[in-house]
Amino acid sequence: MRNFVLLLILCFPILLTAQKNKKTMENSSLPNEVKDLLTEYLKLLQQSKNVEDLAIQFLPLAGGNLVNENANALRPNIVGYSLKKDFESASLYQFPPQITRIAISEVAGEGYGASALAGKKYKIWIDKKEGANGMPAPVQIIVPQNHSFIKKAKIVGIGSL
């Protein structure tokens, strides 16, 4: 027990520093652009016939590490893993999405080359339907700042639904 208390005392400053750059916010202060993008993503997931069709429709919504350096194609492993996982689980989530928690942070660059994004990153947890087992899952969205050709919010983190 004494070692556990000592460990907590030593780790507490590290935990505070890790959370310093992250903030939480109320659902009502989430920008409409971000809410609309999240809703559009869940709608695509639930209405697409197959993951290949979904991938074509998802590309304009995607950014950061999900796309190639020119933002004109999804990275190869995204379709077969992250997008497929969300597609297969989407029916378990409420529509329109019910947000349970939001964390925001500033990112200096996410992605590769010309399509790398900097700006405000929103990690948004959405709730499952009544009776569906499991915890809420996050979708991550960046609102880019000062990007030369990407002006709208982009989804940058999927695969947790």
N, C-alpha and C. Protein backbone atom coordinates (compact mmCIF):
# COMPACT_ATOMS: atom_id res chain seq x y z
N MET A 1 0.82 -1.19 0.00
CA MET A 1 0.00 0.00 0.00
C MET A 1 0.86 1.25 0.00
N ARG A 2 1.93 1.21 0.78
CA ARG A 2 2.83 2.36 0.88
C ARG A 2 3.47 2.65 -0.48
N ASN A 3 3.86 1.59 -1.19
CA ASN A 3 4.45 1.77 -2.52
C ASN A 3 3.45 2.36 -3.51
N PHE A 4 2.19 1.96 -3.39
CA PHE A 4 1.15 2.47 -4.27
C PHE A 4 0.95 3.98 -4.05
N VAL A 5 0.90 4.39 -2.79
CA VAL A 5 0.74 5.81 -2.47
C VAL A 5 1.94 6.60 -2.98
N LEU A 6 3.13 6.07 -2.80
CA LEU A 6 4.34 6.73 -3.29
C LEU A 6 4.31 6.85 -4.81
N LEU A 7 3.87 5.81 -5.48
CA LEU A 7 3.75 5.84 -6.94
C LEU A 7 2.76 6.91 -7.39
N LEU A 8 1.63 7.02 -6.72
CA LEU A 8 0.64 8.04 -7.05
C LEU A 8 1.21 9.44 -6.87
N ILE A 9 1.93 9.65 -5.79
CA ILE A 9 2.53 10.96 -5.53
C ILE A 9 3.54 11.32 -6.62
N LEU A 10 4.32 10.35 -7.05
CA LEU A 10 5.32 10.60 -8.09
C LEU A 10 4.70 10.80 -9.46
N CYS A 11 3.59 10.13 -9.75
CA CYS A 11 2.96 10.21 -11.08
C CYS A 11 2.00 11.37 -11.23
N PHE A 12 1.51 11.93 -10.13
CA PHE A 12 0.50 12.99 -10.21
C PHE A 12 0.95 14.17 -11.07
N PRO A 13 2.18 14.70 -10.91
CA PRO A 13 2.60 15.83 -11.79
C PRO A 13 2.63 15.44 -13.26
N ILE A 14 2.97 14.22 -13.56
CA ILE A 14 3.00 13.76 -14.96
C ILE A 14 1.59 13.73 -15.52
N LEU A 15 0.64 13.24 -14.75
CA LEU A 15 -0.76 13.21 -15.20
C LEU A 15 -1.30 14.61 -15.43
N LEU A 16 -0.95 15.55 -14.57
CA LEU A 16 -1.40 16.93 -14.74
C LEU A 16 -0.83 17.53 -16.01
N THR A 17 0.44 17.28 -16.29
CA THR A 17 1.09 17.81 -17.49
C THR A 17 0.46 17.21 -18.74
N ALA A 18 0.15 15.92 -18.73
CA ALA A 18 -0.44 15.27 -19.90
C ALA A 18 -1.80 15.86 -20.23
N GLN A 19 -2.55 16.28 -19.23
CA GLN A 19 -3.88 16.83 -19.46
C GLN A 19 -3.87 18.33 -19.72
N LYS A 20 -2.73 18.97 -19.57
CA LYS A 20 -2.63 20.42 -19.69
C LYS A 20 -3.11 20.95 -21.04
N ASN A 21 -2.79 20.26 -22.12
CA ASN A 21 -3.13 20.72 -23.45
C ASN A 21 -4.50 20.25 -23.92
N LYS A 22 -5.19 19.48 -23.13
CA LYS A 22 -6.52 18.99 -23.49
C LYS A 22 -7.55 19.68 -22.62
N LYS A 23 -8.67 19.99 -23.23
CA LYS A 23 -9.77 20.61 -22.51
C LYS A 23 -11.03 19.84 -22.85
N THR A 24 -11.99 19.89 -21.96
CA THR A 24 -13.29 19.31 -22.28
C THR A 24 -14.26 20.45 -22.50
N MET A 25 -15.32 20.18 -23.22
CA MET A 25 -16.29 21.22 -23.50
C MET A 25 -17.69 20.66 -23.46
N GLU A 26 -18.64 21.54 -23.39
CA GLU A 26 -20.05 21.17 -23.41
C GLU A 26 -20.49 20.92 -24.84
N ASN A 27 -21.46 20.04 -25.03
CA ASN A 27 -21.99 19.74 -26.36
C ASN A 27 -22.50 20.99 -27.07
N SER A 28 -23.10 21.90 -26.32
CA SER A 28 -23.70 23.08 -26.94
C SER A 28 -22.66 24.02 -27.56
N SER A 29 -21.41 23.92 -27.13
CA SER A 29 -20.40 24.80 -27.69
C SER A 29 -19.60 24.15 -28.82
N LEU A 30 -19.99 22.97 -29.22
CA LEU A 30 -19.35 22.31 -30.35
C LEU A 30 -19.76 23.05 -31.63
N PRO A 31 -18.79 23.45 -32.46
CA PRO A 31 -19.15 24.18 -33.70
C PRO A 31 -20.09 23.37 -34.59
N ASN A 32 -21.04 24.06 -35.22
CA ASN A 32 -22.00 23.39 -36.10
C ASN A 32 -21.30 22.61 -37.21
N GLU A 33 -20.22 23.14 -37.74
CA GLU A 33 -19.46 22.46 -38.80
C GLU A 33 -19.00 21.08 -38.33
N VAL A 34 -18.59 20.98 -37.09
CA VAL A 34 -18.10 19.72 -36.53
C VAL A 34 -19.28 18.77 -36.28
N LYS A 35 -20.36 19.29 -35.69
CA LYS A 35 -21.56 18.47 -35.46
C LYS A 35 -22.10 17.91 -36.77
N ASP A 36 -22.18 18.77 -37.79
CA ASP A 36 -22.71 18.34 -39.09
C ASP A 36 -21.84 17.27 -39.72
N LEU A 37 -20.52 17.41 -39.62
CA LEU A 37 -19.60 16.42 -40.18
C LEU A 37 -19.75 15.08 -39.46
N LEU A 38 -19.86 15.11 -38.15
CA LEU A 38 -20.05 13.88 -37.38
C LEU A 38 -21.35 13.20 -37.78
N THR A 39 -22.42 13.97 -37.92
CA THR A 39 -23.72 13.42 -38.32
C THR A 39 -23.64 12.83 -39.73
N GLU A 40 -22.98 13.53 -40.64
CA GLU A 40 -22.84 13.04 -42.01
C GLU A 40 -22.07 11.72 -42.04
N TYR A 41 -21.01 11.61 -41.23
CA TYR A 41 -20.22 10.38 -41.18
C TYR A 41 -21.08 9.21 -40.69
N LEU A 42 -21.80 9.40 -39.61
CA LEU A 42 -22.63 8.31 -39.09
C LEU A 42 -23.73 7.93 -40.07
N LYS A 43 -24.29 8.91 -40.75
CA LYS A 43 -25.31 8.64 -41.77
C LYS A 43 -24.73 7.80 -42.90
N LEU A 44 -23.53 8.17 -43.38
CA LEU A 44 -22.87 7.37 -44.43
C LEU A 44 -22.63 5.94 -43.97
N LEU A 45 -22.15 5.80 -42.74
CA LEU A 45 -21.88 4.47 -42.20
C LEU A 45 -23.14 3.61 -42.19
N GLN A 46 -24.24 4.19 -41.77
CA GLN A 46 -25.47 3.42 -41.59
C GLN A 46 -26.23 3.20 -42.89
N GLN A 47 -25.99 4.02 -43.93
CA GLN A 47 -26.75 3.90 -45.16
C GLN A 47 -25.99 3.29 -46.33
N SER A 48 -24.69 3.14 -46.21
CA SER A 48 -23.91 2.57 -47.31
C SER A 48 -24.19 1.09 -47.47
N LYS A 49 -24.13 0.62 -48.72
CA LYS A 49 -24.41 -0.79 -49.02
C LYS A 49 -23.24 -1.69 -48.67
N ASN A 50 -22.02 -1.18 -48.88
CA ASN A 50 -20.81 -1.95 -48.60
C ASN A 50 -19.66 -1.00 -48.29
N VAL A 51 -18.58 -1.54 -47.80
CA VAL A 51 -17.45 -0.70 -47.38
C VAL A 51 -16.76 -0.02 -48.57
N GLU A 52 -16.79 -0.65 -49.73
CA GLU A 52 -16.16 -0.05 -50.92
C GLU A 52 -16.92 1.21 -51.35
N ASP A 53 -18.25 1.13 -51.35
CA ASP A 53 -19.09 2.28 -51.66
C ASP A 53 -18.89 3.38 -50.61
N LEU A 54 -18.83 2.97 -49.35
CA LEU A 54 -18.60 3.90 -48.26
C LEU A 54 -17.28 4.63 -48.43
N ALA A 55 -16.24 3.93 -48.82
CA ALA A 55 -14.91 4.54 -48.97
C ALA A 55 -14.93 5.68 -49.97
N ILE A 56 -15.65 5.51 -51.07
CA ILE A 56 -15.74 6.55 -52.10
C ILE A 56 -16.44 7.78 -51.53
N GLN A 57 -17.52 7.57 -50.80
CA GLN A 57 -18.28 8.69 -50.23
C GLN A 57 -17.57 9.33 -49.04
N PHE A 58 -16.75 8.56 -48.33
CA PHE A 58 -16.06 9.05 -47.14
C PHE A 58 -14.86 9.93 -47.49
N LEU A 59 -14.22 9.70 -48.61
CA LEU A 59 -12.99 10.43 -48.96
C LEU A 59 -13.11 11.95 -48.79
N PRO A 60 -14.16 12.61 -49.27
CA PRO A 60 -14.23 14.07 -49.10
C PRO A 60 -14.33 14.53 -47.64
N LEU A 61 -14.70 13.62 -46.74
CA LEU A 61 -14.82 13.96 -45.32
C LEU A 61 -13.53 13.72 -44.55
N ALA A 62 -12.62 12.95 -45.14
CA ALA A 62 -11.43 12.47 -44.44
C ALA A 62 -10.24 13.41 -44.60
N GLY A 63 -9.37 13.38 -43.61
CA GLY A 63 -8.14 14.17 -43.66
C GLY A 63 -7.09 13.58 -42.74
N GLY A 64 -6.01 14.31 -42.56
CA GLY A 64 -4.94 13.89 -41.66
C GLY A 64 -4.31 12.58 -42.06
N ASN A 65 -4.15 11.69 -41.09
CA ASN A 65 -3.50 10.40 -41.32
C ASN A 65 -4.37 9.41 -42.09
N LEU A 66 -5.62 9.76 -42.36
CA LEU A 66 -6.51 8.86 -43.08
C LEU A 66 -6.31 8.93 -44.59
N VAL A 67 -5.70 10.01 -45.07
CA VAL A 67 -5.54 10.22 -46.51
C VAL A 67 -4.07 10.28 -46.89
N ASN A 68 -3.83 10.17 -48.21
CA ASN A 68 -2.46 10.27 -48.69
C ASN A 68 -1.99 11.72 -48.64
N GLU A 69 -0.78 11.96 -49.01
CA GLU A 69 -0.18 13.28 -48.90
C GLU A 69 -0.88 14.35 -49.75
N ASN A 70 -1.56 13.96 -50.81
CA ASN A 70 -2.28 14.92 -51.65
C ASN A 70 -3.77 15.00 -51.32
N ALA A 71 -4.21 14.22 -50.34
CA ALA A 71 -5.61 14.18 -49.89
C ALA A 71 -6.57 13.75 -51.00
N ASN A 72 -6.08 12.98 -51.97
CA ASN A 72 -6.96 12.55 -53.07
C ASN A 72 -7.27 11.05 -53.02
N ALA A 73 -6.84 10.37 -51.95
CA ALA A 73 -7.15 8.95 -51.77
C ALA A 73 -6.98 8.58 -50.30
N LEU A 74 -7.79 7.63 -49.86
CA LEU A 74 -7.61 7.10 -48.51
C LEU A 74 -6.36 6.23 -48.50
N ARG A 75 -5.66 6.22 -47.38
CA ARG A 75 -4.51 5.33 -47.26
C ARG A 75 -5.01 3.89 -47.32
N PRO A 76 -4.25 2.99 -47.93
CA PRO A 76 -4.73 1.62 -48.20
C PRO A 76 -5.25 0.86 -46.98
N ASN A 77 -4.62 0.97 -45.84
CA ASN A 77 -5.06 0.19 -44.68
C ASN A 77 -6.31 0.76 -44.02
N ILE A 78 -6.69 1.99 -44.33
CA ILE A 78 -7.86 2.61 -43.70
C ILE A 78 -9.15 1.89 -44.10
N VAL A 79 -9.31 1.59 -45.37
CA VAL A 79 -10.55 0.96 -45.85
C VAL A 79 -10.72 -0.44 -45.25
N GLY A 80 -9.69 -1.23 -45.25
CA GLY A 80 -9.78 -2.62 -44.80
C GLY A 80 -9.86 -2.81 -43.30
N TYR A 81 -9.50 -1.78 -42.55
CA TYR A 81 -9.48 -1.93 -41.10
C TYR A 81 -10.39 -0.92 -40.40
N SER A 82 -9.96 0.32 -40.30
CA SER A 82 -10.69 1.32 -39.51
C SER A 82 -12.09 1.60 -40.07
N LEU A 83 -12.18 1.87 -41.36
CA LEU A 83 -13.48 2.18 -41.96
C LEU A 83 -14.39 0.96 -41.93
N LYS A 84 -13.83 -0.20 -42.18
CA LYS A 84 -14.60 -1.45 -42.15
C LYS A 84 -15.15 -1.71 -40.74
N LYS A 85 -14.32 -1.47 -39.73
CA LYS A 85 -14.77 -1.68 -38.35
C LYS A 85 -15.94 -0.77 -38.01
N ASP A 86 -15.82 0.52 -38.34
CA ASP A 86 -16.91 1.46 -38.07
C ASP A 86 -18.17 1.09 -38.87
N PHE A 87 -17.99 0.68 -40.12
CA PHE A 87 -19.12 0.29 -40.97
C PHE A 87 -19.89 -0.88 -40.35
N GLU A 88 -19.15 -1.87 -39.87
CA GLU A 88 -19.78 -3.07 -39.31
C GLU A 88 -20.46 -2.81 -37.96
N SER A 89 -20.02 -1.78 -37.25
CA SER A 89 -20.57 -1.49 -35.92
C SER A 89 -21.56 -0.33 -35.90
N ALA A 90 -21.69 0.40 -36.98
CA ALA A 90 -22.49 1.63 -37.01
C ALA A 90 -23.94 1.43 -36.60
N SER A 91 -24.49 0.28 -36.88
CA SER A 91 -25.91 0.05 -36.55
C SER A 91 -26.15 0.01 -35.04
N LEU A 92 -25.10 -0.09 -34.25
CA LEU A 92 -25.23 -0.12 -32.80
C LEU A 92 -25.33 1.28 -32.19
N TYR A 93 -25.12 2.31 -33.01
CA TYR A 93 -25.06 3.69 -32.50
C TYR A 93 -26.31 4.47 -32.86
N GLN A 94 -26.68 5.39 -31.97
CA GLN A 94 -27.86 6.22 -32.16
C GLN A 94 -27.68 7.16 -33.35
N PHE A 95 -28.77 7.43 -34.02
CA PHE A 95 -28.76 8.44 -35.07
C PHE A 95 -29.97 9.34 -34.88
N PRO A 96 -29.78 10.64 -34.89
CA PRO A 96 -28.50 11.35 -35.00
C PRO A 96 -27.62 11.02 -33.80
N PRO A 97 -26.31 11.21 -33.97
CA PRO A 97 -25.38 10.82 -32.91
C PRO A 97 -25.66 11.56 -31.60
N GLN A 98 -25.60 10.82 -30.52
CA GLN A 98 -25.77 11.39 -29.17
C GLN A 98 -24.38 11.52 -28.55
N ILE A 99 -23.95 12.73 -28.35
CA ILE A 99 -22.60 13.01 -27.85
C ILE A 99 -22.58 12.88 -26.33
N THR A 100 -21.62 12.10 -25.83
CA THR A 100 -21.50 11.92 -24.39
C THR A 100 -20.35 12.72 -23.80
N ARG A 101 -19.33 13.00 -24.61
CA ARG A 101 -18.16 13.72 -24.11
C ARG A 101 -17.38 14.29 -25.28
N ILE A 102 -16.71 15.41 -25.04
CA ILE A 102 -15.87 16.05 -26.06
C ILE A 102 -14.58 16.48 -25.40
N ALA A 103 -13.46 16.19 -26.03
CA ALA A 103 -12.16 16.70 -25.60
C ALA A 103 -11.57 17.48 -26.77
N ILE A 104 -10.99 18.63 -26.48
CA ILE A 104 -10.39 19.43 -27.55
C ILE A 104 -8.91 19.64 -27.26
N SER A 105 -8.14 19.76 -28.32
CA SER A 105 -6.73 20.05 -28.20
C SER A 105 -6.28 20.78 -29.46
N GLU A 106 -5.13 21.39 -29.38
CA GLU A 106 -4.52 22.04 -30.55
C GLU A 106 -3.48 21.08 -31.10
N VAL A 107 -3.50 20.87 -32.42
CA VAL A 107 -2.50 20.02 -33.05
C VAL A 107 -1.69 20.85 -34.04
N ALA A 108 -0.40 20.61 -34.06
CA ALA A 108 0.49 21.36 -34.93
C ALA A 108 0.57 20.76 -36.33
N GLY A 109 0.29 19.49 -36.44
CA GLY A 109 0.32 18.85 -37.74
C GLY A 109 -0.07 17.39 -37.64
N GLU A 110 -1.11 17.02 -38.37
CA GLU A 110 -1.53 15.63 -38.41
C GLU A 110 -1.72 15.25 -39.86
N GLY A 111 -0.99 14.25 -40.30
CA GLY A 111 -1.04 13.83 -41.69
C GLY A 111 0.33 13.98 -42.31
N TYR A 112 0.35 13.93 -43.65
CA TYR A 112 1.62 13.91 -44.37
C TYR A 112 1.63 14.95 -45.48
N GLY A 113 2.78 15.56 -45.67
CA GLY A 113 2.98 16.45 -46.81
C GLY A 113 1.98 17.58 -46.88
N ALA A 114 1.51 17.84 -48.09
CA ALA A 114 0.62 18.98 -48.35
C ALA A 114 -0.72 18.86 -47.64
N SER A 115 -1.14 17.65 -47.29
CA SER A 115 -2.45 17.49 -46.67
C SER A 115 -2.39 17.46 -45.14
N ALA A 116 -1.21 17.68 -44.55
CA ALA A 116 -1.11 17.70 -43.09
C ALA A 116 -1.94 18.85 -42.53
N LEU A 117 -2.65 18.58 -41.45
CA LEU A 117 -3.56 19.56 -40.87
C LEU A 117 -3.08 20.04 -39.51
N ALA A 118 -3.23 21.33 -39.28
CA ALA A 118 -3.00 21.93 -37.97
C ALA A 118 -4.27 22.66 -37.59
N GLY A 119 -4.58 22.68 -36.31
CA GLY A 119 -5.78 23.38 -35.88
C GLY A 119 -6.37 22.76 -34.63
N LYS A 120 -7.65 22.99 -34.42
CA LYS A 120 -8.36 22.47 -33.26
C LYS A 120 -8.84 21.06 -33.56
N LYS A 121 -8.52 20.16 -32.64
CA LYS A 121 -8.93 18.76 -32.79
C LYS A 121 -9.98 18.44 -31.74
N TYR A 122 -11.09 17.89 -32.21
CA TYR A 122 -12.20 17.51 -31.35
C TYR A 122 -12.29 15.99 -31.32
N LYS A 123 -12.18 15.43 -30.14
CA LYS A 123 -12.39 14.00 -29.95
C LYS A 123 -13.77 13.86 -29.33
N ILE A 124 -14.70 13.29 -30.09
CA ILE A 124 -16.12 13.30 -29.73
C ILE A 124 -16.59 11.86 -29.52
N TRP A 125 -17.06 11.56 -28.32
CA TRP A 125 -17.58 10.23 -28.02
C TRP A 125 -19.07 10.21 -28.30
N ILE A 126 -19.52 9.17 -29.02
CA ILE A 126 -20.94 9.04 -29.33
C ILE A 126 -21.49 7.77 -28.66
N ASP A 127 -22.75 7.86 -28.28
CA ASP A 127 -23.38 6.81 -27.49
C ASP A 127 -24.03 5.75 -28.37
N LYS A 128 -24.11 4.56 -27.81
CA LYS A 128 -24.78 3.45 -28.49
C LYS A 128 -26.29 3.54 -28.30
N LYS A 129 -27.00 2.75 -29.09
CA LYS A 129 -28.46 2.66 -28.96
C LYS A 129 -28.80 2.00 -27.64
N GLU A 130 -30.00 2.27 -27.17
CA GLU A 130 -30.50 1.62 -25.96
C GLU A 130 -30.47 0.11 -26.17
N GLY A 131 -29.90 -0.60 -25.22
CA GLY A 131 -29.83 -2.05 -25.29
C GLY A 131 -28.57 -2.59 -25.94
N ALA A 132 -27.80 -1.74 -26.62
CA ALA A 132 -26.54 -2.19 -27.23
C ALA A 132 -25.45 -2.16 -26.16
N ASN A 133 -24.71 -3.24 -26.05
CA ASN A 133 -23.65 -3.33 -25.06
C ASN A 133 -22.44 -2.52 -25.49
N GLY A 134 -21.72 -2.04 -24.50
CA GLY A 134 -20.47 -1.34 -24.78
C GLY A 134 -20.51 0.13 -24.42
N MET A 135 -19.32 0.71 -24.43
CA MET A 135 -19.13 2.11 -24.06
C MET A 135 -19.25 3.01 -25.29
N PRO A 136 -19.47 4.31 -25.08
CA PRO A 136 -19.42 5.26 -26.19
C PRO A 136 -18.05 5.19 -26.87
N ALA A 137 -18.00 5.54 -28.14
CA ALA A 137 -16.75 5.46 -28.90
C ALA A 137 -16.44 6.82 -29.54
N PRO A 138 -15.14 7.12 -29.74
CA PRO A 138 -14.78 8.42 -30.27
C PRO A 138 -14.60 8.46 -31.79
N VAL A 139 -14.89 9.64 -32.33
CA VAL A 139 -14.55 10.02 -33.69
C VAL A 139 -13.77 11.33 -33.53
N GLN A 140 -12.68 11.48 -34.28
CA GLN A 140 -11.85 12.67 -34.14
C GLN A 140 -11.94 13.55 -35.38
N ILE A 141 -12.10 14.86 -35.15
CA ILE A 141 -12.28 15.82 -36.23
C ILE A 141 -11.36 17.01 -35.99
N ILE A 142 -10.71 17.47 -37.05
CA ILE A 142 -9.88 18.68 -36.97
C ILE A 142 -10.52 19.78 -37.80
N VAL A 143 -10.57 20.97 -37.22
CA VAL A 143 -10.94 22.18 -37.95
C VAL A 143 -9.61 22.84 -38.32
N PRO A 144 -9.25 22.82 -39.60
CA PRO A 144 -7.93 23.33 -39.99
C PRO A 144 -7.81 24.85 -39.86
N GLN A 145 -6.60 25.27 -39.54
CA GLN A 145 -6.30 26.70 -39.47
C GLN A 145 -5.17 27.00 -40.44
N ASN A 146 -5.37 28.00 -41.28
CA ASN A 146 -4.34 28.50 -42.20
C ASN A 146 -3.80 27.44 -43.15
N HIS A 147 -4.64 26.55 -43.61
CA HIS A 147 -4.19 25.56 -44.60
C HIS A 147 -4.40 26.13 -45.99
N SER A 148 -3.49 25.81 -46.90
CA SER A 148 -3.55 26.40 -48.23
C SER A 148 -4.75 25.94 -49.06
N PHE A 149 -5.17 24.67 -48.93
CA PHE A 149 -6.29 24.22 -49.76
C PHE A 149 -7.37 23.46 -48.99
N ILE A 150 -7.16 23.12 -47.75
CA ILE A 150 -8.19 22.44 -46.95
C ILE A 150 -8.79 23.48 -46.01
N LYS A 151 -10.04 23.81 -46.25
CA LYS A 151 -10.69 24.88 -45.49
C LYS A 151 -11.79 24.38 -44.56
N LYS A 152 -12.31 23.17 -44.80
CA LYS A 152 -13.40 22.63 -44.00
C LYS A 152 -12.89 21.60 -43.01
N ALA A 153 -13.67 21.38 -41.96
CA ALA A 153 -13.34 20.37 -40.97
C ALA A 153 -13.22 19.00 -41.64
N LYS A 154 -12.30 18.17 -41.13
CA LYS A 154 -12.07 16.83 -41.66
C LYS A 154 -12.03 15.82 -40.53
N ILE A 155 -12.53 14.64 -40.82
CA ILE A 155 -12.45 13.52 -39.88
C ILE A 155 -11.04 12.96 -39.97
N VAL A 156 -10.39 12.83 -38.80
CA VAL A 156 -9.00 12.35 -38.79
C VAL A 156 -8.80 11.10 -37.95
N GLY A 157 -9.82 10.68 -37.22
CA GLY A 157 -9.68 9.50 -36.38
C GLY A 157 -10.95 8.67 -36.37
N ILE A 158 -10.85 7.44 -36.87
CA ILE A 158 -11.99 6.51 -36.92
C ILE A 158 -11.53 5.14 -36.48
N GLY A 159 -12.45 4.19 -36.47
CA GLY A 159 -12.10 2.80 -36.20
C GLY A 159 -12.36 2.35 -34.78
N SER A 160 -13.05 3.16 -34.00
CA SER A 160 -13.33 2.81 -32.61
C SER A 160 -14.78 2.44 -32.35
N LEU A 161 -15.65 2.61 -33.34
CA LEU A 161 -17.07 2.29 -33.12
C LEU A 161 -17.27 0.81 -32.96
